[in-house]
Protein backbone atom coordinates (compact mmCIF):
# COMPACT_ATOMS: atom_id res chain seq x y z
CA UNK A 1 6.80 14.57 -4.07
CA UNK A 2 9.97 16.54 -3.44
CA UNK A 3 12.58 17.97 -5.78
CA UNK A 4 16.27 17.21 -5.21
CA UNK A 5 19.51 17.82 -7.10
CA UNK A 6 21.09 14.67 -8.52
CA UNK A 7 24.68 13.84 -7.60
CA UNK A 8 24.95 11.43 -10.53
CA UNK A 9 22.97 10.38 -13.61
CA UNK A 10 19.90 8.47 -12.41
CA UNK A 11 17.21 6.58 -14.32
CA UNK A 12 13.52 7.01 -13.59
CA UNK A 13 11.92 4.72 -10.99
CA UNK A 14 15.23 4.35 -9.15
CA UNK A 15 15.39 4.37 -5.33
CA UNK A 16 17.69 7.10 -4.05
CA UNK A 17 19.49 8.25 -0.91
CA UNK A 18 20.05 11.89 0.11
CA UNK A 19 23.78 12.39 0.76
CA UNK A 20 25.63 15.71 1.02
CA UNK A 21 22.63 17.71 -0.28
CA UNK A 22 22.19 15.56 -3.42
CA UNK A 23 20.46 12.30 -4.30
CA UNK A 24 22.31 9.18 -5.42
CA UNK A 25 21.23 5.65 -6.35
CA UNK A 26 20.82 3.94 -3.00
CA UNK A 27 23.37 1.29 -2.14
CA UNK A 28 22.22 -1.15 0.53
CA UNK A 29 25.76 -2.48 0.73
CA UNK A 30 26.83 0.92 2.08
CA UNK A 31 25.96 1.25 5.78
CA UNK A 32 26.11 5.06 5.43
CA UNK A 33 22.89 4.88 3.37
CA UNK A 34 20.95 3.15 6.18
CA UNK A 35 18.71 6.08 7.11
CA UNK A 36 19.15 8.16 3.94
CA UNK A 37 16.52 6.58 1.61
CA UNK A 38 14.21 9.34 0.36
CA UNK A 39 12.14 7.55 -2.30
CA UNK A 40 12.00 6.74 -6.03
CA UNK A 41 12.81 9.12 -8.88
CA UNK A 42 9.89 9.91 -11.17
CA UNK A 43 12.06 10.84 -14.17
CA UNK A 44 15.59 10.29 -15.40
CA UNK A 45 18.19 13.01 -14.82
CA UNK A 46 21.81 13.92 -15.39
CA UNK A 47 24.30 14.97 -12.73
CA UNK A 48 23.40 18.31 -11.09
CA UNK A 49 19.89 18.34 -12.60
CA UNK A 50 16.76 18.58 -10.49
CA UNK A 51 14.71 15.39 -10.15
CA UNK A 52 11.36 14.72 -8.51
CA UNK A 53 11.29 11.97 -5.89
CA UNK A 54 8.27 10.24 -4.36
CA UNK A 55 8.45 8.45 -0.99
CA UNK A 56 4.77 7.82 -0.33
CA UNK A 57 1.94 7.23 -2.76
CA UNK A 58 1.47 5.38 -6.02
CA UNK A 59 4.31 4.94 -8.51
CA UNK A 60 3.66 3.13 -11.80
CA UNK A 61 5.89 1.72 -14.53
CA UNK A 62 4.48 -0.18 -17.49
CA UNK A 63 6.20 -3.55 -17.71
CA UNK A 64 7.71 -3.32 -14.21
CA UNK A 65 6.89 -6.99 -13.60
CA UNK A 66 5.93 -6.78 -9.95
CA UNK A 67 4.02 -9.65 -8.36
CA UNK A 68 0.63 -8.25 -7.26
CA UNK A 69 -0.24 -8.20 -3.56
CA UNK A 70 3.33 -8.48 -2.29
CA UNK A 71 5.30 -6.38 0.17
CA UNK A 72 8.44 -5.08 -1.57
CA UNK A 73 11.86 -4.13 -0.27
CA UNK A 74 15.03 -2.99 -2.02
CA UNK A 75 17.91 -5.32 -2.66
CA UNK A 76 21.61 -4.50 -2.82
CA UNK A 77 21.30 -3.53 -6.47
CA UNK A 78 18.31 -1.12 -6.12
CA UNK A 79 15.68 -3.50 -7.51
CA UNK A 80 12.46 -4.11 -5.59
CA UNK A 81 12.13 -7.72 -4.48
CA UNK A 82 10.16 -9.83 -2.04
CA UNK A 83 12.79 -12.23 -0.69
CA UNK A 84 14.74 -11.21 2.41
CA UNK A 85 18.42 -12.11 2.05
CA UNK A 86 19.94 -11.14 5.39
CA UNK A 87 23.52 -12.11 4.63
CA UNK A 88 24.26 -9.93 1.62
CA UNK A 89 23.19 -6.41 2.59
CA UNK A 90 23.90 -4.12 5.53
CA UNK A 91 20.24 -3.19 5.93
CA UNK A 92 16.79 -3.88 4.47
CA UNK A 93 14.49 -1.14 3.25
CA UNK A 94 10.83 -2.07 2.84
CA UNK A 95 9.32 0.41 0.38
CA UNK A 96 5.74 -0.58 -0.35
CA UNK A 97 3.04 -2.93 -1.51
CA UNK A 98 2.37 -3.96 -5.11
CA UNK A 99 -1.17 -3.35 -6.29
CA UNK A 100 -0.55 -4.84 -9.75
CA UNK A 101 2.37 -5.85 -11.96
CA UNK A 102 2.93 -2.15 -12.82
CA UNK A 103 1.88 -0.31 -9.63
CA UNK A 104 3.70 0.02 -6.31
CA UNK A 105 2.06 1.81 -3.38
CA UNK A 106 4.99 3.39 -1.55
CA UNK A 107 4.96 3.80 2.23
CA UNK A 108 7.48 5.31 4.63
CA UNK A 109 9.05 2.38 6.52
CA UNK A 110 12.05 2.48 8.83
CA UNK A 111 15.06 0.43 7.64
CA UNK A 112 15.59 -2.98 9.20
CA UNK A 113 19.13 -3.61 10.39
CA UNK A 114 19.97 -7.34 10.63
CA UNK A 115 21.72 -8.65 13.71
CA UNK A 116 24.50 -11.03 12.74
């Protein structure tokens, strides 16, 4: 768990990228974010507030609705999902494995860059 300064208002359990010394909601449609994913926020925050971010380990959210025993990646709108859609994002970021509908075990994976 690391502490970062937020560059915008961010909800808890949101995947973020570290850009210009601040974290922002990751945007997989932005190729500049390809190697800048640093993890999920643990709490909500306002712009210029400190926020804790976890990249590896267990993150839980009651009612998250994950499908147990699935490998999860981010989509272009910062939601975890299991389906690879190579034509609508600039890169894929696998983030972890769901242990239950509320628990995601985060791991540090390299981004996958599709070849078109």
